[in-house]
């Protein structure tokens, strides 16, 4: 038995690990829905700023991390039943993986990207346990699996290495050997009402978040918090935080660029066609411009991470972050009016 993908499996170039992995599985099962639609229909765009104890600060643009999760909501609105499974047993996790592959289906799993050998972190140790990939083949003779990630290349990985990646204990996002199962028996395209619901599901937390770390308030909180980083972080931690912020805004970190705003813009263009209202295309243009502003800021974070004294430059990003908060607030308010 050679190390080859399942017959008919197509390796795709994607943007975000979760929606890209979903698209791999959807396409394999003849349910061709764009990655942008999966993100938007799952209410997957937001903003949050976190600084957990013992961790470096983090700002990101994904939503759908609380029940009902992005994957479940996107599944419901596309006629697909998606279930999550976790276990503390590496043996049980591998058994389930191989059984699904033997049944002729690729397997979407969660793992710590720091253990995946095809990633290059420049010699630094890096761990992120919410990375999602698709296992699309295996060879028991060489004890290897084939992984489809965001690039089009398929990656051979030793089963023992994958076991480490799936069972990683690194905080704050240990993957817990998580895997997903799909039922496509009632697959369908999303309705206009579901698209409207999905948009409102992203508008609401951006404009009226449950806590100040989220939404437009979260962007303003980040603008205030950035200048306090030197008091809370060592010089090395500060440089890493700046670089990590660049990663999670830019395409490098799997946002599709512009903190998911480019993907959301393309979703709105599809939404305009489904709903039958061209005004949503104007909102799409607006979020494209907002994505451009986030991209400019991500480059600032990258450059500043490489500066000799980054602490002295942190004040420079306060005004751009507050300007982005203003842009986002105006765009989400206009979008709310359109949906209502």
Protein backbone atom coordinates (compact mmCIF):
# COMPACT_ATOMS: atom_id res chain seq x y z
CA UNK A 1 0.00 0.00 0.00
CA UNK A 2 1.60 3.30 -1.10
CA UNK A 3 1.19 6.66 0.61
CA UNK A 4 -1.47 8.18 -1.64
CA UNK A 5 -4.57 10.32 -1.10
CA UNK A 6 -8.03 8.79 -1.19
CA UNK A 7 -9.28 8.29 -4.73
CA UNK A 8 -10.89 11.50 -5.94
CA UNK A 9 -9.45 13.69 -3.17
CA UNK A 10 -8.52 17.17 -4.45
CA UNK A 11 -5.84 19.18 -2.66
CA UNK A 12 -6.82 22.85 -2.66
CA UNK A 13 -5.04 26.09 -1.84
CA UNK A 14 -7.05 27.68 0.97
CA UNK A 15 -6.90 30.65 3.35
CA UNK A 16 -8.02 29.68 6.85
CA UNK A 17 -7.28 26.32 8.44
CA UNK A 18 -10.83 25.60 9.66
CA UNK A 19 -12.84 26.74 6.66
CA UNK A 20 -10.16 25.47 4.28
CA UNK A 21 -10.30 22.02 5.88
CA UNK A 22 -14.08 22.08 5.75
CA UNK A 23 -13.93 22.95 2.06
CA UNK A 24 -11.60 20.01 1.40
CA UNK A 25 -14.14 17.64 2.98
CA UNK A 26 -17.12 19.37 1.32
CA UNK A 27 -15.58 19.23 -2.16
CA UNK A 28 -14.68 15.56 -1.70
CA UNK A 29 -18.36 14.93 -0.94
CA UNK A 30 -19.57 16.89 -4.00
CA UNK A 31 -20.80 19.87 -1.98
CA UNK A 32 -19.00 22.78 -3.61
CA UNK A 33 -19.39 25.77 -1.29
CA UNK A 34 -16.71 28.45 -1.23
CA UNK A 35 -14.46 28.90 1.76
CA UNK A 36 -15.60 32.53 2.05
CA UNK A 37 -19.23 31.36 2.24
CA UNK A 38 -18.39 28.76 4.90
CA UNK A 39 -16.71 31.44 7.02
CA UNK A 40 -19.53 33.95 6.62
CA UNK A 41 -22.47 31.55 6.87
CA UNK A 42 -20.88 30.19 10.06
CA UNK A 43 -20.75 33.71 11.56
CA UNK A 44 -16.98 33.38 11.76
CA UNK A 45 -15.83 37.02 11.62
CA UNK A 46 -15.30 39.10 14.75
CA UNK A 47 -12.54 40.79 16.76
CA UNK A 48 -11.13 39.93 20.16
CA UNK A 49 -8.23 41.02 22.34
CA UNK A 50 -6.97 38.73 25.10
CA UNK A 51 -4.13 38.72 27.57
CA UNK A 52 -4.35 35.53 29.62
CA UNK A 53 -2.19 35.14 32.72
CA UNK A 54 1.16 33.61 31.81
CA UNK A 55 0.58 34.17 28.07
CA UNK A 56 1.51 36.97 25.69
CA UNK A 57 -1.27 39.29 24.40
CA UNK A 58 -3.31 38.14 21.40
CA UNK A 59 -5.64 39.93 19.01
CA UNK A 60 -7.58 38.07 16.34
CA UNK A 61 -10.44 38.41 13.89
CA UNK A 62 -12.19 35.03 14.17
CA UNK A 63 -15.51 34.43 15.82
CA UNK A 64 -17.45 31.23 16.43
CA UNK A 65 -15.24 29.93 19.23
CA UNK A 66 -18.20 29.47 21.60
CA UNK A 67 -21.24 27.21 21.15
CA UNK A 68 -22.73 26.99 18.65
CA UNK A 69 -19.34 26.85 16.94
CA UNK A 70 -18.58 28.15 13.45
CA UNK A 71 -18.30 24.61 12.06
CA UNK A 72 -21.68 23.55 13.46
CA UNK A 73 -23.50 26.69 12.30
CA UNK A 74 -21.99 26.53 8.82
CA UNK A 75 -22.98 22.87 8.68
CA UNK A 76 -26.57 23.54 9.74
CA UNK A 77 -26.96 26.24 7.10
CA UNK A 78 -25.56 24.02 4.35
CA UNK A 79 -27.48 20.87 5.28
CA UNK A 80 -24.48 19.07 6.77
CA UNK A 81 -24.42 17.52 10.24
CA UNK A 82 -20.99 18.12 11.77
CA UNK A 83 -20.01 16.57 15.09
CA UNK A 84 -16.88 16.97 17.27
CA UNK A 85 -15.11 14.17 19.10
CA UNK A 86 -12.32 14.43 21.68
CA UNK A 87 -10.46 11.87 23.75
CA UNK A 88 -7.54 11.73 26.14
CA UNK A 89 -6.49 8.43 24.52
CA UNK A 90 -4.02 8.66 21.64
CA UNK A 91 -4.81 5.05 20.77
CA UNK A 92 -8.55 5.72 20.52
CA UNK A 93 -7.91 8.83 18.42
CA UNK A 94 -5.73 6.92 15.96
CA UNK A 95 -8.21 4.03 15.76
CA UNK A 96 -11.04 6.43 14.85
CA UNK A 97 -8.81 8.18 12.29
CA UNK A 98 -7.90 4.96 10.48
CA UNK A 99 -11.46 3.62 10.57
CA UNK A 100 -12.80 6.75 8.86
CA UNK A 101 -10.02 6.65 6.25
CA UNK A 102 -10.71 2.95 5.63
CA UNK A 103 -14.37 3.84 5.11
CA UNK A 104 -13.27 6.14 2.27
CA UNK A 105 -13.57 9.53 3.95
CA UNK A 106 -10.91 12.16 4.70
CA UNK A 107 -10.64 13.17 8.36
CA UNK A 108 -10.64 16.74 9.63
CA UNK A 109 -8.60 16.95 12.85
CA UNK A 110 -7.27 19.55 15.26
CA UNK A 111 -3.58 19.59 16.20
CA UNK A 112 -0.66 21.67 17.45
CA UNK A 113 1.05 23.11 14.37
CA UNK A 114 4.29 23.38 16.33
CA UNK A 115 4.78 19.63 15.94
CA UNK A 116 4.06 19.47 12.20
CA UNK A 117 7.42 19.05 10.41
CA UNK A 118 6.49 20.99 7.26
CA UNK A 119 6.17 24.30 9.16
CA UNK A 120 9.26 26.49 9.53
CA UNK A 121 9.28 28.75 12.60
CA UNK A 122 12.78 30.06 12.02
CA UNK A 123 14.34 27.93 14.71
CA UNK A 124 11.95 29.16 17.41
CA UNK A 125 9.66 26.88 19.38
CA UNK A 126 6.06 27.76 18.58
CA UNK A 127 2.83 26.06 19.61
CA UNK A 128 -0.75 26.68 18.49
CA UNK A 129 -3.16 23.86 19.22
CA UNK A 130 -6.18 25.12 17.30
CA UNK A 131 -4.70 24.37 13.91
CA UNK A 132 -7.02 22.24 11.76
CA UNK A 133 -5.95 20.00 8.87
CA UNK A 134 -7.35 17.11 6.83
CA UNK A 135 -5.81 13.64 6.81
CA UNK A 136 -6.51 12.25 3.35
CA UNK A 137 -4.49 9.02 3.18
CA UNK A 138 -2.16 6.68 5.06
CA UNK A 139 0.32 3.88 4.54
CA UNK A 140 0.65 1.33 7.38
CA UNK A 141 3.90 -0.03 5.89
CA UNK A 142 5.75 3.27 6.40
CA UNK A 143 3.50 4.44 9.27
CA UNK A 144 2.80 7.73 7.53
CA UNK A 145 -0.27 9.83 6.84
CA UNK A 146 -0.91 12.45 4.15
CA UNK A 147 -2.06 15.86 5.34
CA UNK A 148 -3.84 18.57 3.33
CA UNK A 149 -3.20 22.01 4.81
CA UNK A 150 -3.66 25.55 3.44
CA UNK A 151 -1.09 25.14 0.67
CA UNK A 152 -1.84 22.87 -2.28
CA UNK A 153 0.96 20.42 -1.47
CA UNK A 154 0.13 17.22 0.39
CA UNK A 155 2.44 16.59 3.36
CA UNK A 156 3.64 13.15 4.52
CA UNK A 157 3.85 12.97 8.32
CA UNK A 158 4.83 10.05 10.53
CA UNK A 159 1.93 8.72 12.59
CA UNK A 160 3.99 9.08 15.76
CA UNK A 161 4.59 12.76 14.99
CA UNK A 162 0.90 13.31 14.28
CA UNK A 163 0.10 11.66 17.60
CA UNK A 164 2.24 14.27 19.39
CA UNK A 165 0.58 17.08 17.45
CA UNK A 166 -2.91 15.82 18.30
CA UNK A 167 -2.18 15.18 21.96
CA UNK A 168 -0.19 18.36 22.68
CA UNK A 169 -0.64 19.81 26.17
CA UNK A 170 0.57 23.32 25.34
CA UNK A 171 -1.76 26.05 26.60
CA UNK A 172 -3.95 27.95 25.99
CA UNK A 173 -5.32 25.78 23.16
CA UNK A 174 -4.51 22.07 23.65
CA UNK A 175 -6.12 20.14 20.75
CA UNK A 176 -7.39 17.19 22.86
CA UNK A 177 -7.08 14.73 19.93
CA UNK A 178 -10.13 16.40 18.37
CA UNK A 179 -11.65 15.08 15.15
CA UNK A 180 -14.81 15.84 13.18
CA UNK A 181 -17.41 13.67 11.47
CA UNK A 182 -19.71 14.81 8.64
CA UNK A 183 -23.11 13.67 7.38
CA UNK A 184 -23.84 15.01 3.89
CA UNK A 185 -27.11 13.10 3.36
CA UNK A 186 -29.17 16.33 3.42
CA UNK A 187 -26.63 18.72 1.86
CA UNK A 188 -27.99 21.90 0.26
CA UNK A 189 -27.14 25.53 -0.47
CA UNK A 190 -27.86 28.20 2.19
CA UNK A 191 -31.08 30.19 1.88
CA UNK A 192 -31.38 33.99 1.71
CA UNK A 193 -32.86 34.03 5.23
CA UNK A 194 -29.92 32.00 6.55
CA UNK A 195 -27.46 34.39 4.93
CA UNK A 196 -29.21 37.32 6.61
CA UNK A 197 -29.14 35.50 9.96
CA UNK A 198 -25.43 34.80 9.51
CA UNK A 199 -24.66 38.44 8.81
CA UNK A 200 -26.64 39.56 11.86
CA UNK A 201 -24.82 36.94 13.90
CA UNK A 202 -21.59 38.80 13.16
CA UNK A 203 -23.01 42.33 13.35
CA UNK A 204 -24.41 41.92 16.85
CA UNK A 205 -21.24 40.95 18.75
CA UNK A 206 -19.20 43.52 16.83
CA UNK A 207 -21.51 46.38 17.85
CA UNK A 208 -22.97 45.06 21.13
CA UNK A 209 -20.38 42.64 22.53
CA UNK A 210 -21.00 40.76 25.79
CA UNK A 211 -17.61 41.95 27.13
CA UNK A 212 -15.27 44.82 26.27
CA UNK A 213 -12.58 42.51 24.84
CA UNK A 214 -14.75 41.76 21.82
CA UNK A 215 -16.00 43.66 18.79
CA UNK A 216 -15.43 47.36 18.17
CA UNK A 217 -14.94 47.84 21.92
CA UNK A 218 -12.23 45.19 21.75
CA UNK A 219 -10.38 47.14 19.04
CA UNK A 220 -10.47 50.27 21.22
CA UNK A 221 -9.31 48.20 24.22
CA UNK A 222 -6.39 46.85 22.16
CA UNK A 223 -5.45 50.42 21.18
CA UNK A 224 -5.25 51.31 24.87
CA UNK A 225 -3.49 48.11 25.93
CA UNK A 226 -0.67 48.14 23.36
CA UNK A 227 1.14 51.05 25.04
CA UNK A 228 1.11 49.10 28.34
CA UNK A 229 2.86 46.04 26.86
CA UNK A 230 6.42 47.12 27.89
CA UNK A 231 5.31 47.15 31.55
CA UNK A 232 3.91 43.62 31.29
CA UNK A 233 6.36 41.88 28.96
CA UNK A 234 10.09 41.29 28.77
CA UNK A 235 11.87 42.77 25.71
CA UNK A 236 11.93 39.31 24.08
CA UNK A 237 8.23 38.74 24.83
CA UNK A 238 7.39 42.16 23.42
CA UNK A 239 9.17 41.42 20.14
CA UNK A 240 7.41 38.06 19.91
CA UNK A 241 4.00 39.61 20.68
CA UNK A 242 4.47 42.20 17.93
CA UNK A 243 5.50 39.55 15.41
CA UNK A 244 2.69 37.21 16.47
CA UNK A 245 0.18 40.05 16.02
CA UNK A 246 1.48 40.54 12.48
CA UNK A 247 1.01 36.82 11.83
CA UNK A 248 -2.59 36.76 13.05
CA UNK A 249 -3.64 39.79 10.98
CA UNK A 250 -1.84 38.88 7.76
CA UNK A 251 -2.41 35.95 5.37
CA UNK A 252 0.55 34.17 7.01
CA UNK A 253 -1.60 33.31 10.02
CA UNK A 254 -4.50 31.94 7.99
CA UNK A 255 -6.82 34.94 7.95
CA UNK A 256 -6.90 35.31 4.18
CA UNK A 257 -5.35 38.74 4.81
CA UNK A 258 -6.72 41.85 6.49
CA UNK A 259 -7.83 40.02 9.65
CA UNK A 260 -10.44 37.94 7.75
CA UNK A 261 -11.97 41.12 6.27
CA UNK A 262 -10.99 40.15 2.70
CA UNK A 263 -12.75 36.81 3.09
CA UNK A 264 -15.76 38.53 4.64
CA UNK A 265 -15.85 40.98 1.72
CA UNK A 266 -16.03 38.10 -0.75
CA UNK A 267 -18.73 36.44 1.36
CA UNK A 268 -20.80 39.64 1.15
CA UNK A 269 -20.52 39.57 -2.66
CA UNK A 270 -21.91 36.04 -2.67
CA UNK A 271 -24.55 37.14 -0.16
CA UNK A 272 -25.64 39.96 -2.47
CA UNK A 273 -26.37 37.41 -5.20
CA UNK A 274 -28.23 35.02 -2.87
CA UNK A 275 -30.32 37.74 -1.20
CA UNK A 276 -30.78 39.64 -4.44
CA UNK A 277 -29.72 43.06 -3.13
CA UNK A 278 -26.77 44.81 -4.73
CA UNK A 279 -26.30 47.13 -1.75
CA UNK A 280 -24.42 44.32 -0.04
CA UNK A 281 -21.73 44.75 -2.71
CA UNK A 282 -21.14 48.27 -1.38
CA UNK A 283 -20.56 46.79 2.06
CA UNK A 284 -18.21 44.28 0.43
CA UNK A 285 -16.20 47.19 -0.99
CA UNK A 286 -16.12 48.79 2.45
CA UNK A 287 -14.76 45.68 4.15
CA UNK A 288 -12.17 45.30 1.38
CA UNK A 289 -10.89 48.78 2.30
CA UNK A 290 -10.96 47.91 6.00
CA UNK A 291 -8.92 44.82 5.16
CA UNK A 292 -6.38 47.06 3.44
CA UNK A 293 -6.10 49.14 6.63
CA UNK A 294 -5.56 46.02 8.74
CA UNK A 295 -2.88 44.84 6.32
CA UNK A 296 -1.05 48.17 6.62
CA UNK A 297 -1.17 47.84 10.40
CA UNK A 298 0.08 44.25 10.26
CA UNK A 299 3.16 45.46 8.38
CA UNK A 300 3.73 48.05 11.09
CA UNK A 301 3.68 45.26 13.72
CA UNK A 302 6.18 43.25 11.66
CA UNK A 303 8.57 46.20 11.18
CA UNK A 304 8.31 47.20 14.83
CA UNK A 305 9.07 43.66 15.99
CA UNK A 306 12.41 43.99 14.16
CA UNK A 307 13.26 47.46 15.55
CA UNK A 308 16.10 47.85 18.11
CA UNK A 309 13.74 49.47 20.65
CA UNK A 310 10.14 48.53 19.81
CA UNK A 311 8.81 49.83 23.15
CA UNK A 312 9.56 53.39 22.08
CA UNK A 313 7.41 52.99 18.94
CA UNK A 314 4.22 51.50 20.38
CA UNK A 315 2.41 54.83 20.53
CA UNK A 316 2.44 54.92 16.74
CA UNK A 317 -0.25 52.27 16.43
CA UNK A 318 -2.78 53.82 18.81
CA UNK A 319 -4.26 56.22 16.24
CA UNK A 320 -4.46 53.58 13.45
CA UNK A 321 -6.21 51.12 15.80
CA UNK A 322 -8.71 53.76 16.90
CA UNK A 323 -9.26 54.75 13.27
CA UNK A 324 -9.92 51.11 12.44
CA UNK A 325 -12.43 50.95 15.30
CA UNK A 326 -14.24 53.93 13.75
CA UNK A 327 -14.17 52.33 10.29
CA UNK A 328 -15.44 49.02 11.58
CA UNK A 329 -18.19 50.59 13.68
CA UNK A 330 -19.51 52.56 10.70
CA UNK A 331 -19.33 49.54 8.36
CA UNK A 332 -21.07 47.16 10.76
CA UNK A 333 -23.80 49.74 11.50
CA UNK A 334 -24.51 50.17 7.78
CA UNK A 335 -24.57 46.41 7.38
CA UNK A 336 -27.05 46.08 10.24
CA UNK A 337 -29.40 48.52 8.52
CA UNK A 338 -29.16 46.53 5.29
CA UNK A 339 -29.98 43.24 7.01
CA UNK A 340 -32.86 44.70 9.01
